[in-house]
Amino acid sequence: MRGPSDELSRLLEKFRTGQLNEQQLLESIALLDGKASASAAARTAVNCKDDRRCSSRVVDRLDVYRAAEQSGADALEIWADLSDDAALVGGLRTAAAREARHAALLEQRLRELGGIPRAQIPDSIACYNDALTDPDATDLQRLELLVERFPDVDAAVVPLMEFVDSIEDDELTRELLKAICVDELATLRWAHEAFDARK
């Protein structure tokens, strides 16, 4: 029978090979975490000071997020260059800067924990980014793609916040991820407002 660490490795492998997108990965990990009993959760809670396996789990998650955030920053920057909607460009540049800063902070933290950036985005996310940066697409079509991917703004960050809540004895990583969640909510709310104003 597979243990939680085996299941996590399997999910990460499916993400790397494009069988899961970022949101599906986060939701699957949240389900995996939720299946643990209270005692098992206590034993497997992330403790970066004392448990190397748990530290590795944190590093893997940080690396996955880093890759996703950097790819998002790159796509939003390209979109901003393609758009002739000045108001939209202002928001896109701000969102891209947030994503790029998140990627840099996540890389810094994973290196502090002894990790090396290795994660690559799967083909599913690459295809999504290609759609966002398609020169033949309109801004409204791109906004619609983004809103359809994240229809519920608050629900979009629930898996990450559940992971944050599982982290023990690593206040730096926990607060870093919580602050990133705040930024993600701001970006998604802006995107929904921009879409509603233009549809």
Foldseek 3Di string as FASTA:
>chain_A
DDDLVRVLVVLLVCQLAQVDAPQRSLVVNLVSLVVDDPVVLVVQQQALPPDLVSLVVLLSVLLQLLQLLLLQLVLLQLLLVLDPPVVVNVLSNVLSVLSNVSSVVSQVVSVVSVDDRDGHGHPVVVVLSCVLNPSPDHPLVNLVSLCVVPVDLVVSCVSVLSSLVSHPNCVPSSVSSVVSSVSSSVSNVVSVVVNVVPD
